[in-house]
């Protein structure tokens, strides 16, 4: 029996250990508290690997191109960040780069480290519970979607001044943002903690 608070309305529930595939819902708002363990684990790991691959791809391939009066320039996501590494903007640039690239990558790396051995049917890796706890703690600081919204607003204003082209890295990063949002919805933290606690 586990005491769980509903993430939607904060109502406390005594949730028993459920058989595989069974789900528990909040009595007040019907929010899903616990889903099927292995299904949730498969989806969480799949989205974690997808996020890591897409963000790494977005770092090194063309992100944006701008053309005006016969002059053109193409840059990567790292090039966008490096363009502001000057003077008092350096701390802000490093913080933005960390929140849109480093923290999402660190978070999914911790998630994969904690869950992959269990998914393979093996004992958890050393300090797996701590890695999963850090992964959950970093979740609010992963702000890739904020960057995409900000970039979209800026590009709308620039579109009247120059011709803008979106490279494959831009679409890869947008896909990563959608998968990050999906991963937040499907990760069953209660089931994962139960699996980590039940392992020797």
N, C-alpha and C. Protein backbone atom coordinates (compact mmCIF):
# COMPACT_ATOMS: atom_id res chain seq x y z
N UNK A 1 0.85 -1.19 0.00
CA UNK A 1 0.00 0.00 0.00
C UNK A 1 0.89 1.24 0.00
N UNK A 2 0.60 2.18 -0.92
CA UNK A 2 1.40 3.38 -1.05
C UNK A 2 0.49 4.60 -0.95
N UNK A 3 0.94 5.60 -0.21
CA UNK A 3 0.18 6.85 -0.09
C UNK A 3 0.62 7.79 -1.19
N UNK A 4 -0.33 8.15 -2.07
CA UNK A 4 -0.02 9.00 -3.21
C UNK A 4 -0.92 10.23 -3.19
N UNK A 5 -0.33 11.36 -3.58
CA UNK A 5 -1.10 12.60 -3.76
C UNK A 5 -1.38 12.79 -5.24
N UNK A 6 -2.61 13.09 -5.57
CA UNK A 6 -2.97 13.34 -6.97
C UNK A 6 -2.23 14.57 -7.46
N UNK A 7 -1.52 14.50 -8.59
CA UNK A 7 -0.79 15.67 -9.09
C UNK A 7 -1.71 16.77 -9.60
N UNK A 8 -2.99 16.45 -9.80
CA UNK A 8 -3.93 17.44 -10.30
C UNK A 8 -4.66 18.19 -9.19
N UNK A 9 -5.18 17.45 -8.19
CA UNK A 9 -5.99 18.11 -7.16
C UNK A 9 -5.43 17.92 -5.75
N UNK A 10 -4.33 17.18 -5.59
CA UNK A 10 -3.64 16.98 -4.31
C UNK A 10 -4.39 16.09 -3.32
N UNK A 11 -5.41 15.39 -3.75
CA UNK A 11 -6.11 14.48 -2.84
C UNK A 11 -5.24 13.26 -2.57
N UNK A 12 -5.15 12.84 -1.30
CA UNK A 12 -4.34 11.70 -0.93
C UNK A 12 -5.12 10.40 -1.11
N UNK A 13 -4.40 9.36 -1.58
CA UNK A 13 -5.02 8.06 -1.81
C UNK A 13 -4.10 6.97 -1.26
N UNK A 14 -4.69 5.92 -0.72
CA UNK A 14 -3.97 4.69 -0.39
C UNK A 14 -4.06 3.77 -1.60
N UNK A 15 -2.94 3.64 -2.32
CA UNK A 15 -2.94 2.87 -3.57
C UNK A 15 -2.22 1.55 -3.32
N UNK A 16 -2.89 0.42 -3.51
CA UNK A 16 -2.22 -0.87 -3.33
C UNK A 16 -1.30 -1.18 -4.51
N UNK A 17 -0.46 -2.20 -4.37
CA UNK A 17 0.36 -2.67 -5.49
C UNK A 17 -0.56 -3.31 -6.52
N UNK A 18 -0.61 -2.71 -7.71
CA UNK A 18 -1.55 -3.16 -8.73
C UNK A 18 -0.91 -4.21 -9.64
N UNK A 19 -1.71 -5.15 -10.14
CA UNK A 19 -1.19 -6.09 -11.14
C UNK A 19 -0.81 -5.35 -12.41
N UNK A 20 0.01 -6.01 -13.22
CA UNK A 20 0.45 -5.38 -14.46
C UNK A 20 -0.76 -5.05 -15.35
N UNK A 21 -0.77 -3.84 -15.86
CA UNK A 21 -1.84 -3.41 -16.76
C UNK A 21 -3.01 -2.74 -16.07
N UNK A 22 -3.10 -2.82 -14.74
CA UNK A 22 -4.20 -2.17 -14.01
C UNK A 22 -3.83 -0.72 -13.73
N UNK A 23 -4.84 0.14 -13.63
CA UNK A 23 -4.61 1.56 -13.39
C UNK A 23 -5.41 2.03 -12.18
N UNK A 24 -4.90 3.09 -11.56
CA UNK A 24 -5.59 3.71 -10.44
C UNK A 24 -5.87 5.16 -10.79
N UNK A 25 -7.08 5.62 -10.48
CA UNK A 25 -7.50 6.98 -10.81
C UNK A 25 -7.90 7.73 -9.54
N UNK A 26 -7.75 9.04 -9.59
CA UNK A 26 -8.14 9.89 -8.47
C UNK A 26 -9.66 9.84 -8.29
N UNK A 27 -10.10 9.72 -7.04
CA UNK A 27 -11.52 9.66 -6.75
C UNK A 27 -12.20 11.01 -6.94
N UNK A 28 -11.44 12.10 -6.85
CA UNK A 28 -12.04 13.42 -6.96
C UNK A 28 -12.07 13.93 -8.39
N UNK A 29 -10.94 13.88 -9.09
CA UNK A 29 -10.87 14.49 -10.43
C UNK A 29 -10.64 13.49 -11.56
N UNK A 30 -10.51 12.21 -11.22
CA UNK A 30 -10.34 11.13 -12.20
C UNK A 30 -9.00 11.19 -12.94
N UNK A 31 -8.02 11.90 -12.38
CA UNK A 31 -6.68 11.92 -12.96
C UNK A 31 -6.01 10.56 -12.71
N UNK A 32 -5.29 10.04 -13.72
CA UNK A 32 -4.65 8.75 -13.56
C UNK A 32 -3.46 8.86 -12.60
N UNK A 33 -3.48 8.05 -11.55
CA UNK A 33 -2.41 8.06 -10.57
C UNK A 33 -1.33 7.04 -10.90
N UNK A 34 -1.72 5.85 -11.27
CA UNK A 34 -0.79 4.76 -11.56
C UNK A 34 -1.28 4.05 -12.82
N UNK A 35 -0.36 3.82 -13.75
CA UNK A 35 -0.70 3.08 -14.97
C UNK A 35 0.01 1.74 -14.96
N UNK A 36 -0.20 0.96 -16.01
CA UNK A 36 0.48 -0.33 -16.11
C UNK A 36 1.98 -0.15 -16.12
N UNK A 37 2.67 -0.87 -15.28
CA UNK A 37 4.09 -0.61 -15.05
C UNK A 37 4.93 -0.76 -16.31
N UNK A 38 4.85 -1.92 -16.95
CA UNK A 38 5.76 -2.16 -18.07
C UNK A 38 5.41 -1.30 -19.27
N UNK A 39 4.12 -1.05 -19.49
CA UNK A 39 3.74 -0.17 -20.60
C UNK A 39 4.31 1.22 -20.38
N UNK A 40 4.17 1.73 -19.16
CA UNK A 40 4.70 3.05 -18.85
C UNK A 40 6.21 3.09 -19.01
N UNK A 41 6.89 2.04 -18.57
CA UNK A 41 8.35 1.99 -18.66
C UNK A 41 8.80 1.99 -20.11
N UNK A 42 8.14 1.21 -20.96
CA UNK A 42 8.49 1.16 -22.38
C UNK A 42 8.34 2.54 -23.02
N UNK A 43 7.23 3.19 -22.76
CA UNK A 43 6.99 4.49 -23.38
C UNK A 43 7.97 5.54 -22.87
N UNK A 44 8.24 5.52 -21.57
CA UNK A 44 9.15 6.52 -21.00
C UNK A 44 10.55 6.37 -21.57
N UNK A 45 11.03 5.14 -21.66
CA UNK A 45 12.36 4.92 -22.23
C UNK A 45 12.41 5.28 -23.70
N UNK A 46 11.37 4.93 -24.45
CA UNK A 46 11.35 5.24 -25.88
C UNK A 46 11.39 6.75 -26.11
N UNK A 47 10.59 7.49 -25.34
CA UNK A 47 10.61 8.95 -25.49
C UNK A 47 11.93 9.54 -25.04
N UNK A 48 12.54 8.96 -23.99
CA UNK A 48 13.85 9.44 -23.54
C UNK A 48 14.91 9.31 -24.62
N UNK A 49 14.99 8.15 -25.26
CA UNK A 49 15.96 7.96 -26.34
C UNK A 49 15.66 8.89 -27.51
N UNK A 50 14.38 9.06 -27.84
CA UNK A 50 14.01 9.93 -28.96
C UNK A 50 14.41 11.38 -28.69
N UNK A 51 14.17 11.86 -27.47
CA UNK A 51 14.53 13.23 -27.11
C UNK A 51 16.03 13.43 -27.23
N UNK A 52 16.82 12.49 -26.70
CA UNK A 52 18.28 12.61 -26.75
C UNK A 52 18.78 12.65 -28.19
N UNK A 53 18.27 11.77 -29.04
CA UNK A 53 18.72 11.70 -30.43
C UNK A 53 18.36 12.99 -31.17
N UNK A 54 17.14 13.48 -30.98
CA UNK A 54 16.70 14.68 -31.71
C UNK A 54 17.47 15.92 -31.27
N UNK A 55 17.74 16.05 -29.96
CA UNK A 55 18.47 17.25 -29.50
C UNK A 55 19.91 17.22 -29.98
N UNK A 56 20.57 16.06 -29.93
CA UNK A 56 21.95 15.96 -30.43
C UNK A 56 21.97 16.26 -31.93
N UNK A 57 20.99 15.75 -32.68
CA UNK A 57 20.89 16.04 -34.11
C UNK A 57 20.74 17.55 -34.33
N UNK A 58 19.90 18.19 -33.51
CA UNK A 58 19.65 19.63 -33.68
C UNK A 58 20.88 20.48 -33.38
N UNK A 59 21.82 19.96 -32.60
CA UNK A 59 23.00 20.73 -32.24
C UNK A 59 23.96 20.94 -33.41
N UNK A 60 24.03 19.99 -34.32
CA UNK A 60 25.11 19.99 -35.30
C UNK A 60 24.65 20.16 -36.74
N UNK A 61 23.35 20.12 -36.98
CA UNK A 61 22.86 20.29 -38.35
C UNK A 61 22.28 21.69 -38.52
N UNK A 62 22.11 22.15 -39.75
CA UNK A 62 21.61 23.52 -39.98
C UNK A 62 20.28 23.77 -39.28
N UNK A 63 20.22 24.90 -38.56
CA UNK A 63 19.03 25.24 -37.80
C UNK A 63 18.19 26.29 -38.54
N UNK A 64 18.82 27.38 -38.92
CA UNK A 64 18.14 28.45 -39.64
C UNK A 64 19.04 29.00 -40.74
N UNK A 65 18.41 29.51 -41.78
CA UNK A 65 19.15 30.25 -42.81
C UNK A 65 18.39 31.54 -43.11
N UNK A 66 19.14 32.61 -43.29
CA UNK A 66 18.56 33.92 -43.59
C UNK A 66 19.20 34.46 -44.87
N UNK A 67 18.36 34.93 -45.78
CA UNK A 67 18.85 35.45 -47.06
C UNK A 67 18.20 36.80 -47.33
N UNK A 68 19.04 37.76 -47.73
CA UNK A 68 18.55 39.10 -48.06
C UNK A 68 19.56 39.78 -48.98
N UNK A 69 19.07 40.36 -50.07
CA UNK A 69 19.90 41.11 -51.03
C UNK A 69 21.06 40.27 -51.55
N UNK A 70 20.84 39.02 -51.77
CA UNK A 70 21.86 38.15 -52.31
C UNK A 70 22.83 37.58 -51.30
N UNK A 71 22.74 38.02 -50.05
CA UNK A 71 23.61 37.49 -49.00
C UNK A 71 22.81 36.48 -48.17
N UNK A 72 23.48 35.41 -47.80
CA UNK A 72 22.80 34.39 -47.01
C UNK A 72 23.72 33.89 -45.90
N UNK A 73 23.12 33.41 -44.86
CA UNK A 73 23.87 32.88 -43.72
C UNK A 73 23.09 31.71 -43.12
N UNK A 74 23.79 30.65 -42.81
CA UNK A 74 23.18 29.47 -42.19
C UNK A 74 23.88 29.20 -40.87
N UNK A 75 23.10 28.85 -39.86
CA UNK A 75 23.68 28.61 -38.55
C UNK A 75 23.08 27.38 -37.90
N UNK A 76 23.82 26.82 -36.97
CA UNK A 76 23.32 25.71 -36.17
C UNK A 76 22.76 26.24 -34.85
N UNK A 77 22.19 25.35 -34.06
CA UNK A 77 21.67 25.76 -32.75
C UNK A 77 22.79 26.26 -31.85
N UNK A 78 23.95 25.61 -31.92
CA UNK A 78 25.11 26.09 -31.16
C UNK A 78 25.59 27.44 -31.68
N UNK A 79 25.48 27.64 -32.98
CA UNK A 79 25.86 28.94 -33.55
C UNK A 79 24.96 30.06 -33.08
N UNK A 80 23.67 29.76 -32.93
CA UNK A 80 22.73 30.76 -32.41
C UNK A 80 23.13 31.17 -31.00
N UNK A 81 23.48 30.20 -30.17
CA UNK A 81 23.89 30.50 -28.80
C UNK A 81 25.22 31.26 -28.77
N UNK A 82 26.17 30.84 -29.62
CA UNK A 82 27.50 31.46 -29.62
C UNK A 82 27.45 32.91 -30.09
N UNK A 83 26.42 33.27 -30.87
CA UNK A 83 26.33 34.64 -31.39
C UNK A 83 26.15 35.67 -30.28
N UNK A 84 25.68 35.23 -29.12
CA UNK A 84 25.43 36.16 -28.01
C UNK A 84 26.46 36.05 -26.89
N UNK A 85 27.54 35.29 -27.14
CA UNK A 85 28.58 35.15 -26.13
C UNK A 85 29.50 36.36 -26.16
N UNK A 86 29.02 37.44 -25.61
CA UNK A 86 29.81 38.66 -25.62
C UNK A 86 29.41 39.52 -24.43
N UNK A 87 30.39 39.93 -23.64
CA UNK A 87 30.17 40.87 -22.54
C UNK A 87 29.19 40.38 -21.50
N UNK A 88 28.27 41.28 -21.13
CA UNK A 88 27.34 40.97 -20.04
C UNK A 88 26.28 39.95 -20.45
N UNK A 89 26.19 39.62 -21.75
CA UNK A 89 25.22 38.63 -22.21
C UNK A 89 25.69 37.19 -21.99
N UNK A 90 26.97 37.00 -21.63
CA UNK A 90 27.50 35.65 -21.48
C UNK A 90 26.74 34.84 -20.44
N UNK A 91 26.51 35.36 -19.21
CA UNK A 91 25.76 34.55 -18.23
C UNK A 91 24.35 34.21 -18.70
N UNK A 92 23.67 35.16 -19.35
CA UNK A 92 22.33 34.91 -19.85
C UNK A 92 22.35 33.85 -20.95
N UNK A 93 23.34 33.94 -21.85
CA UNK A 93 23.44 32.97 -22.93
C UNK A 93 23.70 31.57 -22.39
N UNK A 94 24.58 31.46 -21.40
CA UNK A 94 24.87 30.16 -20.81
C UNK A 94 23.64 29.58 -20.11
N UNK A 95 22.88 30.45 -19.44
CA UNK A 95 21.67 29.98 -18.76
C UNK A 95 20.62 29.49 -19.77
N UNK A 96 20.46 30.23 -20.86
CA UNK A 96 19.50 29.83 -21.88
C UNK A 96 19.93 28.52 -22.54
N UNK A 97 21.21 28.41 -22.88
CA UNK A 97 21.71 27.19 -23.49
C UNK A 97 21.53 25.99 -22.56
N UNK A 98 21.77 26.19 -21.28
CA UNK A 98 21.59 25.11 -20.32
C UNK A 98 20.14 24.68 -20.25
N UNK A 99 19.22 25.64 -20.24
CA UNK A 99 17.81 25.29 -20.06
C UNK A 99 17.19 24.65 -21.29
N UNK A 100 17.72 24.95 -22.49
CA UNK A 100 17.11 24.39 -23.70
C UNK A 100 17.86 23.18 -24.25
N UNK A 101 19.12 23.00 -23.85
CA UNK A 101 19.90 21.87 -24.39
C UNK A 101 20.46 20.99 -23.28
N UNK A 102 21.26 21.57 -22.39
CA UNK A 102 21.99 20.76 -21.41
C UNK A 102 21.04 20.07 -20.43
N UNK A 103 20.10 20.81 -19.86
CA UNK A 103 19.22 20.21 -18.86
C UNK A 103 18.33 19.12 -19.45
N UNK A 104 17.69 19.32 -20.63
CA UNK A 104 16.92 18.21 -21.20
C UNK A 104 17.77 16.96 -21.46
N UNK A 105 19.01 17.16 -21.94
CA UNK A 105 19.88 16.01 -22.20
C UNK A 105 20.29 15.31 -20.90
N UNK A 106 20.64 16.09 -19.88
CA UNK A 106 21.01 15.50 -18.59
C UNK A 106 19.82 14.75 -18.00
N UNK A 107 18.63 15.34 -18.12
CA UNK A 107 17.45 14.72 -17.54
C UNK A 107 17.13 13.38 -18.18
N UNK A 108 17.17 13.31 -19.52
CA UNK A 108 16.86 12.03 -20.16
C UNK A 108 17.99 11.02 -19.94
N UNK A 109 19.24 11.50 -19.82
CA UNK A 109 20.34 10.59 -19.52
C UNK A 109 20.15 9.95 -18.14
N UNK A 110 19.75 10.75 -17.15
CA UNK A 110 19.46 10.21 -15.82
C UNK A 110 18.29 9.24 -15.86
N UNK A 111 17.27 9.57 -16.65
CA UNK A 111 16.10 8.73 -16.77
C UNK A 111 16.47 7.37 -17.37
N UNK A 112 17.24 7.40 -18.44
CA UNK A 112 17.66 6.15 -19.08
C UNK A 112 18.55 5.34 -18.16
N UNK A 113 19.46 6.01 -17.45
CA UNK A 113 20.35 5.31 -16.52
C UNK A 113 19.55 4.60 -15.43
N UNK A 114 18.50 5.25 -14.94
CA UNK A 114 17.72 4.66 -13.84
C UNK A 114 16.82 3.53 -14.31
N UNK A 115 16.28 3.64 -15.53
CA UNK A 115 15.23 2.71 -15.94
C UNK A 115 15.68 1.60 -16.88
N UNK A 116 16.75 1.81 -17.64
CA UNK A 116 17.11 0.83 -18.67
C UNK A 116 17.44 -0.55 -18.08
N UNK A 117 18.22 -0.64 -17.00
CA UNK A 117 18.47 -1.99 -16.45
C UNK A 117 17.20 -2.69 -15.99
N UNK A 118 16.26 -1.95 -15.40
CA UNK A 118 15.00 -2.56 -14.95
C UNK A 118 14.20 -3.05 -16.15
N UNK A 119 14.19 -2.26 -17.22
CA UNK A 119 13.49 -2.65 -18.44
C UNK A 119 14.08 -3.94 -19.02
N UNK A 120 15.39 -4.11 -18.87
CA UNK A 120 16.05 -5.34 -19.35
C UNK A 120 15.85 -6.51 -18.39
N UNK A 121 15.17 -6.29 -17.29
CA UNK A 121 14.94 -7.36 -16.33
C UNK A 121 16.11 -7.59 -15.39
N UNK A 122 16.96 -6.60 -15.24
CA UNK A 122 18.14 -6.72 -14.39
C UNK A 122 17.98 -5.84 -13.15
N UNK A 123 18.81 -6.04 -12.14
CA UNK A 123 18.76 -5.15 -10.96
C UNK A 123 19.08 -3.72 -11.38
N UNK A 124 18.54 -2.74 -10.67
CA UNK A 124 18.81 -1.35 -11.04
C UNK A 124 20.28 -0.99 -10.89
N UNK A 125 20.70 0.00 -11.65
CA UNK A 125 22.08 0.47 -11.58
C UNK A 125 22.33 1.12 -10.23
N UNK A 126 23.59 1.20 -9.80
CA UNK A 126 23.89 1.90 -8.54
C UNK A 126 23.34 3.32 -8.54
N UNK A 127 22.71 3.70 -7.44
CA UNK A 127 22.15 5.05 -7.26
C UNK A 127 21.06 5.36 -8.29
N UNK A 128 20.33 4.31 -8.75
CA UNK A 128 19.26 4.53 -9.73
C UNK A 128 18.16 5.41 -9.15
N UNK A 129 17.81 5.20 -7.89
CA UNK A 129 16.76 6.00 -7.27
C UNK A 129 17.16 7.47 -7.20
N UNK A 130 18.43 7.72 -6.89
CA UNK A 130 18.91 9.11 -6.83
C UNK A 130 18.90 9.73 -8.23
N UNK A 131 19.27 8.96 -9.25
CA UNK A 131 19.26 9.47 -10.62
C UNK A 131 17.84 9.82 -11.05
N UNK A 132 16.88 8.96 -10.71
CA UNK A 132 15.49 9.26 -11.08
C UNK A 132 14.98 10.48 -10.31
N UNK A 133 15.38 10.61 -9.05
CA UNK A 133 14.96 11.78 -8.26
C UNK A 133 15.51 13.06 -8.89
N UNK A 134 16.77 13.04 -9.30
CA UNK A 134 17.34 14.23 -9.96
C UNK A 134 16.64 14.52 -11.28
N UNK A 135 16.31 13.46 -12.01
CA UNK A 135 15.61 13.64 -13.28
C UNK A 135 14.27 14.33 -13.07
N UNK A 136 13.54 13.94 -12.03
CA UNK A 136 12.27 14.58 -11.73
C UNK A 136 12.47 16.01 -11.24
N UNK A 137 13.54 16.24 -10.47
CA UNK A 137 13.80 17.59 -9.97
C UNK A 137 14.17 18.55 -11.11
N UNK A 138 14.81 18.05 -12.16
CA UNK A 138 15.20 18.89 -13.29
C UNK A 138 14.06 19.16 -14.26
N UNK A 139 12.96 18.44 -14.12
CA UNK A 139 11.86 18.57 -15.07
C UNK A 139 11.38 20.01 -15.23
N UNK A 140 11.14 20.78 -14.15
CA UNK A 140 10.65 22.16 -14.35
C UNK A 140 11.67 23.09 -15.01
N UNK A 141 12.95 22.72 -14.99
CA UNK A 141 13.99 23.59 -15.54
C UNK A 141 14.29 23.29 -17.00
N UNK A 142 13.63 22.29 -17.56
CA UNK A 142 13.80 21.98 -18.98
C UNK A 142 12.84 22.86 -19.78
N UNK A 143 13.38 23.86 -20.47
CA UNK A 143 12.53 24.89 -21.08
C UNK A 143 12.70 24.98 -22.59
N UNK A 144 12.85 23.84 -23.23
CA UNK A 144 13.01 23.84 -24.69
C UNK A 144 11.80 24.43 -25.38
N UNK A 145 10.60 24.17 -24.85
CA UNK A 145 9.39 24.69 -25.49
C UNK A 145 9.32 26.21 -25.41
N UNK A 146 9.87 26.80 -24.34
CA UNK A 146 9.89 28.26 -24.23
C UNK A 146 10.77 28.86 -25.32
N UNK A 147 11.90 28.20 -25.60
CA UNK A 147 12.80 28.67 -26.65
C UNK A 147 12.11 28.63 -28.01
N UNK A 148 11.38 27.54 -28.29
CA UNK A 148 10.70 27.43 -29.58
C UNK A 148 9.65 28.52 -29.74
N UNK A 149 8.89 28.80 -28.68
CA UNK A 149 7.89 29.87 -28.75
C UNK A 149 8.55 31.24 -28.96
N UNK A 150 9.65 31.48 -28.22
CA UNK A 150 10.36 32.74 -28.39
C UNK A 150 10.94 32.89 -29.79
N UNK A 151 11.51 31.80 -30.30
CA UNK A 151 12.06 31.83 -31.66
C UNK A 151 10.97 32.09 -32.69
N UNK A 152 9.81 31.48 -32.50
CA UNK A 152 8.70 31.69 -33.44
C UNK A 152 8.26 33.15 -33.47
N UNK A 153 8.17 33.78 -32.30
CA UNK A 153 7.78 35.19 -32.24
C UNK A 153 8.83 36.06 -32.94
N UNK A 154 10.11 35.78 -32.68
CA UNK A 154 11.18 36.57 -33.30
C UNK A 154 11.19 36.39 -34.82
N UNK A 155 10.96 35.16 -35.29
CA UNK A 155 10.99 34.92 -36.73
C UNK A 155 9.84 35.58 -37.45
N UNK A 156 8.69 35.69 -36.79
CA UNK A 156 7.57 36.40 -37.40
C UNK A 156 7.93 37.85 -37.66
N UNK A 157 8.66 38.47 -36.73
CA UNK A 157 9.05 39.87 -36.89
C UNK A 157 10.14 40.03 -37.96
N UNK A 158 11.03 39.03 -38.06
CA UNK A 158 12.13 39.13 -39.02
C UNK A 158 11.67 38.77 -40.43
N UNK A 159 10.58 38.02 -40.55
CA UNK A 159 10.14 37.52 -41.85
C UNK A 159 9.87 38.63 -42.85
N UNK A 160 9.49 39.82 -42.38
CA UNK A 160 9.24 40.94 -43.30
C UNK A 160 10.53 41.57 -43.81
N UNK A 161 11.64 41.29 -43.15
CA UNK A 161 12.91 41.91 -43.52
C UNK A 161 13.81 41.01 -44.35
N UNK A 162 13.65 39.70 -44.24
CA UNK A 162 14.54 38.77 -44.93
C UNK A 162 13.80 37.47 -45.19
N UNK A 163 14.40 36.65 -46.06
CA UNK A 163 13.85 35.32 -46.36
C UNK A 163 14.45 34.32 -45.39
N UNK A 164 13.59 33.64 -44.66
CA UNK A 164 14.04 32.71 -43.62
C UNK A 164 13.79 31.28 -44.07
N UNK A 165 14.79 30.44 -43.89
CA UNK A 165 14.65 29.02 -44.19
C UNK A 165 14.88 28.19 -42.94
N UNK A 166 14.07 27.17 -42.77
CA UNK A 166 14.18 26.31 -41.60
C UNK A 166 14.95 25.04 -41.99
N UNK A 167 16.05 24.80 -41.27
CA UNK A 167 16.85 23.62 -41.54
C UNK A 167 16.31 22.39 -40.84
N UNK A 168 16.90 21.24 -41.11
CA UNK A 168 16.43 20.00 -40.47
C UNK A 168 16.55 20.03 -38.95
N UNK A 169 17.53 20.76 -38.43
CA UNK A 169 17.70 20.84 -36.98
C UNK A 169 16.52 21.57 -36.33
N UNK A 170 15.95 22.56 -37.02
CA UNK A 170 14.80 23.28 -36.46
C UNK A 170 13.63 22.34 -36.27
N UNK A 171 13.35 21.52 -37.29
CA UNK A 171 12.21 20.59 -37.20
C UNK A 171 12.50 19.48 -36.20
N UNK A 172 13.77 19.06 -36.11
CA UNK A 172 14.12 18.05 -35.11
C UNK A 172 13.91 18.58 -33.70
N UNK A 173 14.28 19.85 -33.49
CA UNK A 173 14.11 20.44 -32.16
C UNK A 173 12.63 20.61 -31.83
N UNK A 174 11.83 21.00 -32.81
CA UNK A 174 10.38 21.11 -32.58
C UNK A 174 9.80 19.74 -32.23
N UNK A 175 10.25 18.69 -32.94
CA UNK A 175 9.77 17.35 -32.62
C UNK A 175 10.18 16.95 -31.21
N UNK A 176 11.40 17.33 -30.80
CA UNK A 176 11.86 17.02 -29.44
C UNK A 176 10.98 17.71 -28.40
N UNK A 177 10.55 18.94 -28.68
CA UNK A 177 9.69 19.66 -27.74
C UNK A 177 8.35 18.94 -27.57
N UNK A 178 7.77 18.47 -28.66
CA UNK A 178 6.50 17.75 -28.57
C UNK A 178 6.67 16.43 -27.82
N UNK A 179 7.79 15.75 -28.04
CA UNK A 179 8.01 14.48 -27.35
C UNK A 179 8.27 14.72 -25.86
N UNK A 180 8.96 15.82 -25.52
CA UNK A 180 9.16 16.16 -24.11
C UNK A 180 7.81 16.36 -23.42
N UNK A 181 6.89 17.07 -24.09
CA UNK A 181 5.56 17.27 -23.52
C UNK A 181 4.82 15.95 -23.37
N UNK A 182 4.97 15.07 -24.36
CA UNK A 182 4.32 13.76 -24.29
C UNK A 182 4.91 12.91 -23.17
N UNK A 183 6.23 12.97 -23.02
CA UNK A 183 6.89 12.19 -21.96
C UNK A 183 6.42 12.64 -20.58
N UNK A 184 6.19 13.92 -20.41
CA UNK A 184 5.70 14.42 -19.12
C UNK A 184 4.33 13.84 -18.78
N UNK A 185 3.53 13.60 -19.81
CA UNK A 185 2.19 13.08 -19.57
C UNK A 185 2.17 11.58 -19.30
N UNK A 186 3.09 10.83 -19.90
CA UNK A 186 3.01 9.37 -19.81
C UNK A 186 3.89 8.79 -18.72
N UNK A 187 4.86 9.55 -18.20
CA UNK A 187 5.74 9.00 -17.17
C UNK A 187 4.96 8.78 -15.88
N UNK A 188 4.92 7.55 -15.44
CA UNK A 188 4.20 7.17 -14.22
C UNK A 188 5.22 7.09 -13.09
N UNK A 189 5.46 8.23 -12.44
CA UNK A 189 6.49 8.29 -11.41
C UNK A 189 6.19 7.35 -10.25
N UNK A 190 4.91 7.20 -9.90
CA UNK A 190 4.55 6.32 -8.79
C UNK A 190 4.94 4.87 -9.09
N UNK A 191 4.67 4.40 -10.30
CA UNK A 191 5.04 3.02 -10.66
C UNK A 191 6.56 2.85 -10.70
N UNK A 192 7.25 3.87 -11.20
CA UNK A 192 8.71 3.78 -11.28
C UNK A 192 9.32 3.72 -9.89
N UNK A 193 8.81 4.58 -8.98
CA UNK A 193 9.31 4.52 -7.61
C UNK A 193 9.02 3.18 -6.98
N UNK A 194 7.86 2.60 -7.29
CA UNK A 194 7.54 1.29 -6.74
C UNK A 194 8.50 0.23 -7.25
N UNK A 195 8.86 0.30 -8.53
CA UNK A 195 9.81 -0.67 -9.08
C UNK A 195 11.19 -0.49 -8.47
N UNK A 196 11.60 0.77 -8.29
CA UNK A 196 12.91 1.01 -7.69
C UNK A 196 12.95 0.57 -6.23
N UNK A 197 11.86 0.77 -5.50
CA UNK A 197 11.81 0.38 -4.10
C UNK A 197 11.75 -1.13 -3.92
N UNK A 198 11.13 -1.82 -4.86
CA UNK A 198 10.98 -3.27 -4.72
C UNK A 198 12.20 -4.05 -5.13
N UNK A 199 13.13 -3.39 -5.82
CA UNK A 199 14.35 -4.09 -6.23
C UNK A 199 15.32 -4.17 -5.06
N UNK A 200 16.05 -5.31 -4.95
CA UNK A 200 17.02 -5.43 -3.85
C UNK A 200 18.18 -4.46 -4.02
